[in-house]
Amino acid sequence: MKVSVSFLNSKNIPKDLELLNQTDADYIHVDIMDGKFVKNKTMPFREMRHIGDFTSKRLDVHLMVENPSKYIPLYAELNTEYLTFHVEVEEDILKDLQMIKDYSIRCGLSIKPDTKVSTLLPYLPYLDMILVMSVEPGEGGQEFLVETEEKIQEIRALLDSYHLDTIISVDGGITEETAKMCQDADLLVSGSYILKDSNFQEKISSLR
């Protein structure tokens, strides 16, 4: 199991990024919120662009925004491996996915807890990742929704039926215990569980 670490709830982002750089975390998960798609808002790009000053790890960027097309060119400038936005947006999703691919970055769609898996069907051939939200997006520290396990299994069966190698990522309330409900996933996103402990590596290892 791969692990992507979110610094959404970090009290000292530069320090935590430097410490995470010394672990075997696979990615740094970057949450971008516009205060519209979700109620909270993250720091602007002029500050986010400095992430690379503190870590050399590849970024897994999650856009929780109304207009992904405004943000894709910005975050494509960084050390980004995956760029994901929500299937619930009202923009032209295929156009936005193609924009990400044009930057030679892997593209993904994220799906909220109440959104039906069938919503993803038109986009499956284009996706490198499906990000399953196991909490309501927009705020760190929430508890894992147990019904997520069934949703992950449904997506895995769907991908297998089409013989697709799209990876499944799960984000929200991920701990050593809830990770057991994500066995059909490929990547776990965890923030508070890892950062609140003094030994980041120990917590990351417990998720694998």
N, C-alpha and C. Protein backbone atom coordinates (compact mmCIF):
# COMPACT_ATOMS: atom_id res chain seq x y z
N MET A 1 0.84 -1.19 0.00
CA MET A 1 0.00 0.00 0.00
C MET A 1 0.88 1.25 0.00
N LYS A 2 0.58 2.18 -0.89
CA LYS A 2 1.32 3.44 -0.92
C LYS A 2 0.64 4.45 0.01
N VAL A 3 1.43 5.42 0.46
CA VAL A 3 0.93 6.41 1.41
C VAL A 3 1.26 7.82 0.93
N SER A 4 0.23 8.66 0.95
CA SER A 4 0.38 10.08 0.62
C SER A 4 0.01 10.87 1.87
N VAL A 5 0.88 11.77 2.29
CA VAL A 5 0.66 12.48 3.56
C VAL A 5 0.16 13.90 3.33
N SER A 6 -0.98 14.20 3.96
CA SER A 6 -1.57 15.53 3.88
C SER A 6 -1.07 16.42 5.02
N PHE A 7 -0.76 17.68 4.68
CA PHE A 7 -0.31 18.62 5.72
C PHE A 7 -1.40 19.66 6.02
N LEU A 8 -2.65 19.33 5.67
CA LEU A 8 -3.76 20.27 5.83
C LEU A 8 -3.88 20.81 7.25
N ASN A 9 -3.65 19.95 8.24
CA ASN A 9 -3.80 20.37 9.64
C ASN A 9 -2.47 20.67 10.32
N SER A 10 -1.42 20.82 9.54
CA SER A 10 -0.10 21.11 10.11
C SER A 10 -0.07 22.48 10.77
N LYS A 11 0.58 22.54 11.92
CA LYS A 11 0.77 23.82 12.61
C LYS A 11 2.07 24.50 12.19
N ASN A 12 2.96 23.71 11.57
CA ASN A 12 4.24 24.24 11.11
C ASN A 12 4.60 23.52 9.80
N ILE A 13 4.05 24.02 8.70
CA ILE A 13 4.17 23.33 7.41
C ILE A 13 5.62 23.13 6.97
N PRO A 14 6.48 24.16 6.99
CA PRO A 14 7.86 23.94 6.54
C PRO A 14 8.57 22.84 7.32
N LYS A 15 8.42 22.87 8.64
CA LYS A 15 9.08 21.86 9.48
C LYS A 15 8.55 20.46 9.19
N ASP A 16 7.22 20.35 9.11
CA ASP A 16 6.62 19.03 8.87
C ASP A 16 7.00 18.49 7.49
N LEU A 17 7.06 19.35 6.48
CA LEU A 17 7.46 18.90 5.15
C LEU A 17 8.90 18.40 5.16
N GLU A 18 9.77 19.09 5.88
CA GLU A 18 11.17 18.66 5.98
C GLU A 18 11.28 17.30 6.68
N LEU A 19 10.48 17.12 7.73
CA LEU A 19 10.49 15.84 8.44
C LEU A 19 9.91 14.72 7.58
N LEU A 20 8.85 15.03 6.84
CA LEU A 20 8.24 14.03 5.96
C LEU A 20 9.19 13.64 4.83
N ASN A 21 10.05 14.57 4.45
CA ASN A 21 11.01 14.30 3.38
C ASN A 21 12.01 13.22 3.79
N GLN A 22 12.15 13.03 5.10
CA GLN A 22 13.10 12.03 5.63
C GLN A 22 12.43 10.66 5.80
N THR A 23 11.13 10.58 5.54
CA THR A 23 10.41 9.30 5.66
C THR A 23 10.32 8.62 4.30
N ASP A 24 9.68 7.45 4.29
CA ASP A 24 9.49 6.75 3.00
C ASP A 24 8.08 6.99 2.44
N ALA A 25 7.42 8.08 2.87
CA ALA A 25 6.12 8.44 2.29
C ALA A 25 6.27 8.52 0.78
N ASP A 26 5.27 8.04 0.06
CA ASP A 26 5.35 8.02 -1.40
C ASP A 26 5.09 9.38 -2.01
N TYR A 27 4.14 10.11 -1.41
CA TYR A 27 3.76 11.43 -1.93
C TYR A 27 3.41 12.38 -0.80
N ILE A 28 3.44 13.66 -1.13
CA ILE A 28 2.87 14.69 -0.27
C ILE A 28 1.53 15.07 -0.89
N HIS A 29 0.46 14.97 -0.10
CA HIS A 29 -0.89 15.28 -0.57
C HIS A 29 -1.16 16.76 -0.34
N VAL A 30 -1.49 17.45 -1.41
CA VAL A 30 -1.70 18.91 -1.34
C VAL A 30 -3.19 19.20 -1.55
N ASP A 31 -3.86 19.64 -0.50
CA ASP A 31 -5.27 19.98 -0.58
C ASP A 31 -5.43 21.45 -0.97
N ILE A 32 -6.19 21.69 -2.03
CA ILE A 32 -6.45 23.05 -2.50
C ILE A 32 -7.95 23.32 -2.40
N MET A 33 -8.33 24.32 -1.59
CA MET A 33 -9.74 24.65 -1.38
C MET A 33 -9.97 26.12 -1.70
N ASP A 34 -11.09 26.38 -2.39
CA ASP A 34 -11.35 27.75 -2.86
C ASP A 34 -12.39 28.51 -2.03
N GLY A 35 -12.94 27.87 -0.99
CA GLY A 35 -13.97 28.54 -0.19
C GLY A 35 -15.32 28.57 -0.88
N LYS A 36 -15.43 27.92 -2.02
CA LYS A 36 -16.69 27.88 -2.79
C LYS A 36 -17.18 26.43 -2.95
N PHE A 37 -16.34 25.61 -3.54
CA PHE A 37 -16.69 24.19 -3.68
C PHE A 37 -16.83 23.54 -2.30
N VAL A 38 -15.94 23.94 -1.40
CA VAL A 38 -16.03 23.58 0.02
C VAL A 38 -15.93 24.87 0.81
N LYS A 39 -16.36 24.84 2.07
CA LYS A 39 -16.45 26.09 2.83
C LYS A 39 -15.09 26.67 3.22
N ASN A 40 -14.10 25.83 3.41
CA ASN A 40 -12.79 26.32 3.82
C ASN A 40 -11.95 26.74 2.63
N LYS A 41 -10.88 27.47 2.94
CA LYS A 41 -9.99 27.97 1.90
C LYS A 41 -8.55 27.77 2.34
N THR A 42 -7.71 27.31 1.42
CA THR A 42 -6.30 27.11 1.74
C THR A 42 -5.48 28.31 1.27
N MET A 43 -4.22 28.31 1.65
CA MET A 43 -3.34 29.43 1.29
C MET A 43 -3.22 29.56 -0.23
N PRO A 44 -2.97 30.76 -0.73
CA PRO A 44 -2.88 30.98 -2.18
C PRO A 44 -1.66 30.31 -2.80
N PHE A 45 -1.68 30.21 -4.12
CA PHE A 45 -0.60 29.54 -4.84
C PHE A 45 0.75 30.22 -4.61
N ARG A 46 0.76 31.53 -4.44
CA ARG A 46 2.04 32.23 -4.24
C ARG A 46 2.78 31.71 -3.00
N GLU A 47 2.03 31.10 -2.06
CA GLU A 47 2.65 30.47 -0.90
C GLU A 47 2.85 28.96 -1.14
N MET A 48 1.85 28.34 -1.74
CA MET A 48 1.93 26.91 -2.00
C MET A 48 3.10 26.55 -2.92
N ARG A 49 3.47 27.46 -3.79
CA ARG A 49 4.52 27.16 -4.77
C ARG A 49 5.87 26.87 -4.11
N HIS A 50 6.00 27.22 -2.82
CA HIS A 50 7.27 27.01 -2.12
C HIS A 50 7.40 25.62 -1.48
N ILE A 51 6.40 24.78 -1.68
CA ILE A 51 6.45 23.43 -1.11
C ILE A 51 7.76 22.74 -1.47
N GLY A 52 8.19 22.91 -2.71
CA GLY A 52 9.41 22.27 -3.18
C GLY A 52 10.68 22.75 -2.49
N ASP A 53 10.59 23.85 -1.74
CA ASP A 53 11.74 24.33 -0.98
C ASP A 53 11.99 23.43 0.24
N PHE A 54 10.96 22.67 0.64
CA PHE A 54 11.05 21.89 1.88
C PHE A 54 10.95 20.38 1.69
N THR A 55 10.56 19.95 0.50
CA THR A 55 10.50 18.51 0.24
C THR A 55 10.77 18.24 -1.24
N SER A 56 11.44 17.15 -1.50
CA SER A 56 11.70 16.73 -2.89
C SER A 56 10.71 15.66 -3.33
N LYS A 57 9.80 15.30 -2.44
CA LYS A 57 8.84 14.25 -2.78
C LYS A 57 7.83 14.74 -3.82
N ARG A 58 7.36 13.81 -4.62
CA ARG A 58 6.36 14.12 -5.63
C ARG A 58 5.04 14.49 -4.95
N LEU A 59 4.28 15.36 -5.61
CA LEU A 59 3.05 15.86 -5.03
C LEU A 59 1.83 15.17 -5.63
N ASP A 60 0.85 14.99 -4.77
CA ASP A 60 -0.44 14.40 -5.11
C ASP A 60 -1.45 15.52 -4.80
N VAL A 61 -1.84 16.27 -5.84
CA VAL A 61 -2.62 17.51 -5.65
C VAL A 61 -4.11 17.24 -5.80
N HIS A 62 -4.89 17.64 -4.80
CA HIS A 62 -6.33 17.43 -4.76
C HIS A 62 -7.03 18.79 -4.81
N LEU A 63 -7.65 19.09 -5.94
CA LEU A 63 -8.35 20.36 -6.13
C LEU A 63 -9.80 20.25 -5.69
N MET A 64 -10.13 20.89 -4.57
CA MET A 64 -11.51 20.98 -4.10
C MET A 64 -12.00 22.38 -4.46
N VAL A 65 -12.18 22.59 -5.75
CA VAL A 65 -12.47 23.93 -6.27
C VAL A 65 -13.58 23.85 -7.33
N GLU A 66 -14.27 24.97 -7.53
CA GLU A 66 -15.34 25.04 -8.53
C GLU A 66 -14.81 25.03 -9.96
N ASN A 67 -13.66 25.67 -10.14
CA ASN A 67 -13.11 25.84 -11.50
C ASN A 67 -11.70 25.28 -11.60
N PRO A 68 -11.56 23.95 -11.76
CA PRO A 68 -10.24 23.33 -11.85
C PRO A 68 -9.36 23.95 -12.92
N SER A 69 -9.96 24.38 -14.03
CA SER A 69 -9.16 24.91 -15.15
C SER A 69 -8.32 26.11 -14.77
N LYS A 70 -8.70 26.83 -13.71
CA LYS A 70 -7.93 27.98 -13.24
C LYS A 70 -6.69 27.54 -12.47
N TYR A 71 -6.78 26.36 -11.86
CA TYR A 71 -5.72 25.91 -10.95
C TYR A 71 -4.75 24.92 -11.60
N ILE A 72 -5.23 24.20 -12.59
CA ILE A 72 -4.39 23.16 -13.22
C ILE A 72 -3.07 23.72 -13.75
N PRO A 73 -3.06 24.85 -14.51
CA PRO A 73 -1.78 25.36 -15.01
C PRO A 73 -0.81 25.77 -13.89
N LEU A 74 -1.35 26.22 -12.76
CA LEU A 74 -0.50 26.63 -11.64
C LEU A 74 0.20 25.42 -11.01
N TYR A 75 -0.59 24.42 -10.65
CA TYR A 75 -0.02 23.27 -9.94
C TYR A 75 0.74 22.32 -10.87
N ALA A 76 0.56 22.51 -12.16
CA ALA A 76 1.36 21.75 -13.13
C ALA A 76 2.82 22.23 -13.11
N GLU A 77 3.05 23.43 -12.56
CA GLU A 77 4.41 23.99 -12.47
C GLU A 77 5.24 23.29 -11.40
N LEU A 78 4.57 22.67 -10.44
CA LEU A 78 5.27 22.08 -9.30
C LEU A 78 5.68 20.64 -9.58
N ASN A 79 6.23 19.98 -8.58
CA ASN A 79 6.71 18.60 -8.72
C ASN A 79 5.53 17.64 -8.57
N THR A 80 4.54 17.79 -9.45
CA THR A 80 3.26 17.10 -9.31
C THR A 80 3.20 15.80 -10.09
N GLU A 81 2.85 14.73 -9.38
CA GLU A 81 2.68 13.41 -10.00
C GLU A 81 1.22 13.19 -10.40
N TYR A 82 0.31 13.53 -9.48
CA TYR A 82 -1.13 13.38 -9.73
C TYR A 82 -1.85 14.69 -9.49
N LEU A 83 -2.76 15.03 -10.40
CA LEU A 83 -3.62 16.20 -10.24
C LEU A 83 -5.07 15.71 -10.33
N THR A 84 -5.79 15.91 -9.24
CA THR A 84 -7.14 15.36 -9.12
C THR A 84 -8.14 16.48 -8.84
N PHE A 85 -9.29 16.42 -9.49
CA PHE A 85 -10.37 17.35 -9.17
C PHE A 85 -11.66 16.56 -9.05
N HIS A 86 -12.76 17.22 -8.68
CA HIS A 86 -13.99 16.51 -8.34
C HIS A 86 -14.91 16.27 -9.53
N VAL A 87 -15.48 15.07 -9.57
CA VAL A 87 -16.43 14.71 -10.63
C VAL A 87 -17.71 15.55 -10.52
N GLU A 88 -17.91 16.17 -9.36
CA GLU A 88 -19.13 16.97 -9.14
C GLU A 88 -19.05 18.39 -9.69
N VAL A 89 -17.91 18.80 -10.24
CA VAL A 89 -17.79 20.18 -10.75
C VAL A 89 -18.65 20.35 -12.01
N GLU A 90 -18.95 21.61 -12.33
CA GLU A 90 -19.80 21.89 -13.49
C GLU A 90 -19.00 22.27 -14.74
N GLU A 91 -17.69 22.22 -14.66
CA GLU A 91 -16.86 22.48 -15.84
C GLU A 91 -16.89 21.27 -16.78
N ASP A 92 -16.30 21.45 -17.95
CA ASP A 92 -16.16 20.36 -18.92
C ASP A 92 -15.07 19.41 -18.39
N ILE A 93 -15.49 18.31 -17.81
CA ILE A 93 -14.56 17.40 -17.13
C ILE A 93 -13.55 16.80 -18.10
N LEU A 94 -13.98 16.37 -19.26
CA LEU A 94 -13.04 15.78 -20.22
C LEU A 94 -12.00 16.79 -20.67
N LYS A 95 -12.42 18.02 -20.85
CA LYS A 95 -11.48 19.08 -21.25
C LYS A 95 -10.43 19.31 -20.17
N ASP A 96 -10.88 19.30 -18.91
CA ASP A 96 -9.94 19.50 -17.80
C ASP A 96 -8.99 18.32 -17.64
N LEU A 97 -9.50 17.11 -17.84
CA LEU A 97 -8.63 15.93 -17.78
C LEU A 97 -7.57 15.98 -18.87
N GLN A 98 -7.97 16.40 -20.06
CA GLN A 98 -7.02 16.51 -21.17
C GLN A 98 -5.99 17.59 -20.89
N MET A 99 -6.41 18.67 -20.25
CA MET A 99 -5.46 19.74 -19.90
C MET A 99 -4.36 19.20 -18.98
N ILE A 100 -4.77 18.39 -18.02
CA ILE A 100 -3.78 17.80 -17.10
C ILE A 100 -2.83 16.90 -17.88
N LYS A 101 -3.37 16.07 -18.77
CA LYS A 101 -2.54 15.15 -19.55
C LYS A 101 -1.58 15.90 -20.48
N ASP A 102 -2.03 17.06 -20.95
CA ASP A 102 -1.18 17.88 -21.82
C ASP A 102 0.08 18.35 -21.10
N TYR A 103 0.02 18.39 -19.78
CA TYR A 103 1.20 18.76 -18.98
C TYR A 103 2.03 17.53 -18.61
N SER A 104 1.65 16.37 -19.14
CA SER A 104 2.33 15.10 -18.83
C SER A 104 2.25 14.77 -17.35
N ILE A 105 1.10 15.08 -16.76
CA ILE A 105 0.83 14.78 -15.36
C ILE A 105 -0.32 13.78 -15.32
N ARG A 106 -0.28 12.88 -14.35
CA ARG A 106 -1.35 11.89 -14.22
C ARG A 106 -2.61 12.56 -13.67
N CYS A 107 -3.75 12.21 -14.25
CA CYS A 107 -4.99 12.89 -13.87
C CYS A 107 -5.91 11.96 -13.08
N GLY A 108 -6.72 12.59 -12.24
CA GLY A 108 -7.65 11.81 -11.43
C GLY A 108 -8.95 12.56 -11.19
N LEU A 109 -9.97 11.80 -10.81
CA LEU A 109 -11.23 12.38 -10.38
C LEU A 109 -11.52 11.93 -8.96
N SER A 110 -12.01 12.86 -8.17
CA SER A 110 -12.39 12.56 -6.79
C SER A 110 -13.90 12.49 -6.70
N ILE A 111 -14.38 11.64 -5.82
CA ILE A 111 -15.82 11.43 -5.67
C ILE A 111 -16.23 11.57 -4.21
N LYS A 112 -17.24 12.40 -3.96
CA LYS A 112 -17.74 12.64 -2.60
C LYS A 112 -18.48 11.41 -2.07
N PRO A 113 -18.65 11.34 -0.73
CA PRO A 113 -19.32 10.18 -0.13
C PRO A 113 -20.72 9.90 -0.68
N ASP A 114 -21.49 10.94 -0.99
CA ASP A 114 -22.88 10.74 -1.43
C ASP A 114 -23.03 10.62 -2.95
N THR A 115 -21.93 10.74 -3.69
CA THR A 115 -22.01 10.66 -5.15
C THR A 115 -21.94 9.20 -5.61
N LYS A 116 -22.82 8.84 -6.53
CA LYS A 116 -22.87 7.46 -7.02
C LYS A 116 -21.64 7.14 -7.88
N VAL A 117 -21.14 5.94 -7.75
CA VAL A 117 -19.98 5.48 -8.51
C VAL A 117 -20.25 5.57 -10.02
N SER A 118 -21.49 5.38 -10.43
CA SER A 118 -21.83 5.41 -11.85
C SER A 118 -21.50 6.75 -12.50
N THR A 119 -21.40 7.81 -11.70
CA THR A 119 -21.04 9.14 -12.21
C THR A 119 -19.67 9.12 -12.89
N LEU A 120 -18.83 8.19 -12.48
CA LEU A 120 -17.46 8.11 -13.02
C LEU A 120 -17.39 7.43 -14.38
N LEU A 121 -18.42 6.68 -14.73
CA LEU A 121 -18.38 5.82 -15.92
C LEU A 121 -17.90 6.50 -17.20
N PRO A 122 -18.38 7.70 -17.56
CA PRO A 122 -17.96 8.30 -18.83
C PRO A 122 -16.47 8.64 -18.88
N TYR A 123 -15.84 8.70 -17.71
CA TYR A 123 -14.45 9.20 -17.65
C TYR A 123 -13.42 8.11 -17.38
N LEU A 124 -13.88 6.91 -17.12
CA LEU A 124 -12.96 5.83 -16.70
C LEU A 124 -11.77 5.64 -17.63
N PRO A 125 -11.94 5.66 -18.96
CA PRO A 125 -10.79 5.41 -19.83
C PRO A 125 -9.69 6.46 -19.74
N TYR A 126 -10.01 7.61 -19.19
CA TYR A 126 -9.07 8.73 -19.16
C TYR A 126 -8.33 8.86 -17.83
N LEU A 127 -8.74 8.07 -16.83
CA LEU A 127 -8.26 8.30 -15.47
C LEU A 127 -7.05 7.45 -15.08
N ASP A 128 -6.11 8.10 -14.41
CA ASP A 128 -4.98 7.39 -13.80
C ASP A 128 -5.29 7.08 -12.33
N MET A 129 -6.19 7.88 -11.73
CA MET A 129 -6.54 7.72 -10.33
C MET A 129 -8.01 8.05 -10.09
N ILE A 130 -8.61 7.32 -9.16
CA ILE A 130 -9.91 7.70 -8.60
C ILE A 130 -9.68 7.92 -7.12
N LEU A 131 -10.00 9.12 -6.66
CA LEU A 131 -9.82 9.49 -5.25
C LEU A 131 -11.17 9.39 -4.54
N VAL A 132 -11.30 8.41 -3.67
CA VAL A 132 -12.55 8.19 -2.93
C VAL A 132 -12.50 8.97 -1.62
N MET A 133 -13.44 9.89 -1.46
CA MET A 133 -13.50 10.65 -0.21
C MET A 133 -14.23 9.82 0.85
N SER A 134 -13.53 9.54 1.95
CA SER A 134 -14.12 8.75 3.04
C SER A 134 -14.61 9.65 4.17
N VAL A 135 -14.61 10.96 3.89
CA VAL A 135 -15.23 11.99 4.75
C VAL A 135 -15.80 13.04 3.79
N GLU A 136 -16.58 13.97 4.31
CA GLU A 136 -17.01 15.09 3.49
C GLU A 136 -15.79 15.98 3.23
N PRO A 137 -15.50 16.31 1.97
CA PRO A 137 -14.29 17.08 1.68
C PRO A 137 -14.33 18.49 2.26
N GLY A 138 -13.13 18.98 2.60
CA GLY A 138 -13.01 20.37 3.01
C GLY A 138 -12.49 20.61 4.41
N GLU A 139 -12.33 19.55 5.19
CA GLU A 139 -11.86 19.74 6.57
C GLU A 139 -11.13 18.51 7.05
N GLY A 140 -9.98 18.70 7.67
CA GLY A 140 -9.19 17.59 8.18
C GLY A 140 -9.71 17.12 9.52
N GLY A 141 -9.25 15.93 9.96
CA GLY A 141 -9.57 15.45 11.29
C GLY A 141 -10.93 14.79 11.45
N GLN A 142 -11.63 14.51 10.33
CA GLN A 142 -12.94 13.88 10.44
C GLN A 142 -12.82 12.36 10.56
N GLU A 143 -13.91 11.73 11.01
CA GLU A 143 -13.92 10.28 11.17
C GLU A 143 -14.29 9.59 9.86
N PHE A 144 -13.63 8.48 9.61
CA PHE A 144 -13.83 7.65 8.43
C PHE A 144 -15.27 7.15 8.35
N LEU A 145 -15.90 7.29 7.19
CA LEU A 145 -17.25 6.78 6.96
C LEU A 145 -17.16 5.30 6.57
N VAL A 146 -17.76 4.44 7.38
CA VAL A 146 -17.57 2.99 7.19
C VAL A 146 -18.14 2.49 5.86
N GLU A 147 -19.13 3.20 5.32
CA GLU A 147 -19.71 2.76 4.05
C GLU A 147 -18.72 2.92 2.88
N THR A 148 -17.60 3.60 3.16
CA THR A 148 -16.57 3.78 2.12
C THR A 148 -16.01 2.44 1.67
N GLU A 149 -15.92 1.47 2.57
CA GLU A 149 -15.35 0.17 2.21
C GLU A 149 -16.11 -0.45 1.03
N GLU A 150 -17.43 -0.39 1.09
CA GLU A 150 -18.25 -0.95 0.02
C GLU A 150 -18.06 -0.18 -1.28
N LYS A 151 -17.89 1.13 -1.16
CA LYS A 151 -17.70 1.97 -2.35
C LYS A 151 -16.37 1.64 -3.04
N ILE A 152 -15.33 1.45 -2.24
CA ILE A 152 -14.03 1.07 -2.79
C ILE A 152 -14.14 -0.25 -3.55
N GLN A 153 -14.84 -1.21 -2.94
CA GLN A 153 -15.00 -2.52 -3.57
C GLN A 153 -15.79 -2.41 -4.88
N GLU A 154 -16.79 -1.53 -4.90
CA GLU A 154 -17.58 -1.33 -6.12
C GLU A 154 -16.72 -0.74 -7.23
N ILE A 155 -15.88 0.22 -6.87
CA ILE A 155 -15.00 0.84 -7.87
C ILE A 155 -13.96 -0.16 -8.37
N ARG A 156 -13.42 -0.95 -7.46
CA ARG A 156 -12.43 -1.96 -7.86
C ARG A 156 -13.05 -2.97 -8.84
N ALA A 157 -14.26 -3.40 -8.55
CA ALA A 157 -14.94 -4.35 -9.45
C ALA A 157 -15.20 -3.72 -10.82
N LEU A 158 -15.54 -2.45 -10.81
CA LEU A 158 -15.80 -1.74 -12.06
C LEU A 158 -14.53 -1.63 -12.89
N LEU A 159 -13.43 -1.24 -12.25
CA LEU A 159 -12.15 -1.12 -12.96
C LEU A 159 -11.70 -2.47 -13.50
N ASP A 160 -11.87 -3.52 -12.70
CA ASP A 160 -11.47 -4.86 -13.13
C ASP A 160 -12.30 -5.32 -14.33
N SER A 161 -13.59 -4.96 -14.33
CA SER A 161 -14.47 -5.40 -15.43
C SER A 161 -14.06 -4.78 -16.76
N TYR A 162 -13.43 -3.59 -16.68
CA TYR A 162 -12.95 -2.92 -17.90
C TYR A 162 -11.46 -3.14 -18.13
N HIS A 163 -10.84 -3.95 -17.27
CA HIS A 163 -9.40 -4.25 -17.35
C HIS A 163 -8.56 -2.97 -17.34
N LEU A 164 -8.91 -2.06 -16.42
CA LEU A 164 -8.18 -0.79 -16.30
C LEU A 164 -7.22 -0.86 -15.12
N ASP A 165 -6.06 -0.21 -15.27
CA ASP A 165 -5.09 -0.21 -14.17
C ASP A 165 -5.11 1.11 -13.39
N THR A 166 -6.22 1.83 -13.48
CA THR A 166 -6.42 3.05 -12.70
C THR A 166 -6.26 2.73 -11.21
N ILE A 167 -5.52 3.57 -10.49
CA ILE A 167 -5.36 3.30 -9.06
C ILE A 167 -6.49 3.94 -8.26
N ILE A 168 -6.76 3.34 -7.10
CA ILE A 168 -7.77 3.87 -6.18
C ILE A 168 -7.06 4.45 -4.97
N SER A 169 -7.36 5.71 -4.69
CA SER A 169 -6.84 6.39 -3.51
C SER A 169 -8.00 6.68 -2.57
N VAL A 170 -7.74 6.66 -1.27
CA VAL A 170 -8.78 6.93 -0.27
C VAL A 170 -8.29 8.02 0.67
N ASP A 171 -9.16 9.01 0.89
CA ASP A 171 -8.77 10.20 1.65
C ASP A 171 -9.82 10.55 2.70
N GLY A 172 -9.39 10.58 3.97
CA GLY A 172 -10.27 11.03 5.04
C GLY A 172 -10.37 10.05 6.19
N GLY A 173 -9.90 10.45 7.37
CA GLY A 173 -10.02 9.61 8.55
C GLY A 173 -9.21 8.34 8.50
N ILE A 174 -8.10 8.37 7.75
CA ILE A 174 -7.27 7.16 7.60
C ILE A 174 -6.35 6.98 8.81
N THR A 175 -6.52 5.84 9.48
CA THR A 175 -5.67 5.43 10.61
C THR A 175 -5.27 3.97 10.39
N GLU A 176 -4.51 3.43 11.30
CA GLU A 176 -4.13 2.01 11.19
C GLU A 176 -5.38 1.13 11.16
N GLU A 177 -6.40 1.49 11.94
CA GLU A 177 -7.63 0.70 12.00
C GLU A 177 -8.47 0.84 10.74
N THR A 178 -8.71 2.08 10.30
CA THR A 178 -9.57 2.28 9.13
C THR A 178 -8.89 1.82 7.84
N ALA A 179 -7.56 1.77 7.85
CA ALA A 179 -6.83 1.28 6.67
C ALA A 179 -7.22 -0.16 6.35
N LYS A 180 -7.65 -0.91 7.37
CA LYS A 180 -8.06 -2.30 7.16
C LYS A 180 -9.32 -2.39 6.31
N MET A 181 -10.07 -1.29 6.24
CA MET A 181 -11.29 -1.27 5.42
C MET A 181 -11.00 -0.78 4.00
N CYS A 182 -9.73 -0.58 3.71
CA CYS A 182 -9.33 -0.04 2.39
C CYS A 182 -8.41 -1.00 1.64
N GLN A 183 -8.60 -2.28 1.87
CA GLN A 183 -7.68 -3.27 1.30
C GLN A 183 -7.72 -3.32 -0.23
N ASP A 184 -8.82 -2.87 -0.82
CA ASP A 184 -8.91 -2.88 -2.28
C ASP A 184 -8.39 -1.59 -2.91
N ALA A 185 -7.86 -0.70 -2.09
CA ALA A 185 -7.27 0.55 -2.59
C ALA A 185 -5.78 0.34 -2.87
N ASP A 186 -5.18 1.34 -3.51
CA ASP A 186 -3.74 1.29 -3.83
C ASP A 186 -2.94 2.34 -3.07
N LEU A 187 -3.65 3.40 -2.66
CA LEU A 187 -3.00 4.56 -2.04
C LEU A 187 -3.88 5.11 -0.94
N LEU A 188 -3.30 5.37 0.21
CA LEU A 188 -4.03 5.95 1.34
C LEU A 188 -3.50 7.35 1.62
N VAL A 189 -4.43 8.29 1.79
CA VAL A 189 -4.08 9.66 2.14
C VAL A 189 -4.35 9.85 3.63
N SER A 190 -3.34 10.24 4.37
CA SER A 190 -3.51 10.43 5.81
C SER A 190 -2.81 11.71 6.25
N GLY A 191 -3.43 12.43 7.16
CA GLY A 191 -2.85 13.68 7.63
C GLY A 191 -2.72 13.70 9.14
N SER A 192 -3.82 13.96 9.83
CA SER A 192 -3.81 14.10 11.29
C SER A 192 -3.20 12.90 12.00
N TYR A 193 -3.54 11.70 11.54
CA TYR A 193 -3.04 10.47 12.17
C TYR A 193 -1.52 10.44 12.20
N ILE A 194 -0.90 10.92 11.13
CA ILE A 194 0.56 10.91 11.03
C ILE A 194 1.18 12.11 11.73
N LEU A 195 0.65 13.30 11.46
CA LEU A 195 1.29 14.53 11.93
C LEU A 195 1.17 14.76 13.43
N LYS A 196 0.15 14.17 14.05
CA LYS A 196 -0.02 14.41 15.49
C LYS A 196 0.94 13.56 16.33
N ASP A 197 1.65 12.66 15.67
CA ASP A 197 2.61 11.80 16.36
C ASP A 197 4.02 12.33 16.13
N SER A 198 4.90 12.11 17.08
CA SER A 198 6.28 12.61 16.95
C SER A 198 7.09 11.75 15.99
N ASN A 199 6.64 10.51 15.76
CA ASN A 199 7.36 9.60 14.87
C ASN A 199 6.55 9.39 13.59
N PHE A 200 6.78 10.24 12.60
CA PHE A 200 6.03 10.18 11.35
C PHE A 200 6.23 8.83 10.65
N GLN A 201 7.46 8.35 10.64
CA GLN A 201 7.76 7.10 9.92
C GLN A 201 6.99 5.92 10.50
N GLU A 202 6.89 5.86 11.81
CA GLU A 202 6.18 4.74 12.46
C GLU A 202 4.72 4.72 12.02
N LYS A 203 4.10 5.88 11.97
CA LYS A 203 2.69 5.97 11.58
C LYS A 203 2.50 5.63 10.10
N ILE A 204 3.42 6.10 9.27
CA ILE A 204 3.35 5.79 7.83
C ILE A 204 3.47 4.28 7.63
N SER A 205 4.41 3.66 8.32
CA SER A 205 4.63 2.21 8.19
C SER A 205 3.41 1.42 8.62
N SER A 206 2.68 1.93 9.61
CA SER A 206 1.51 1.22 10.12
C SER A 206 0.37 1.16 9.10
N LEU A 207 0.43 2.02 8.08
CA LEU A 207 -0.62 2.07 7.06
C LEU A 207 -0.34 1.16 5.87
N ARG A 208 0.88 0.70 5.76
CA ARG A 208 1.26 -0.06 4.55
C ARG A 208 0.74 -1.51 4.57
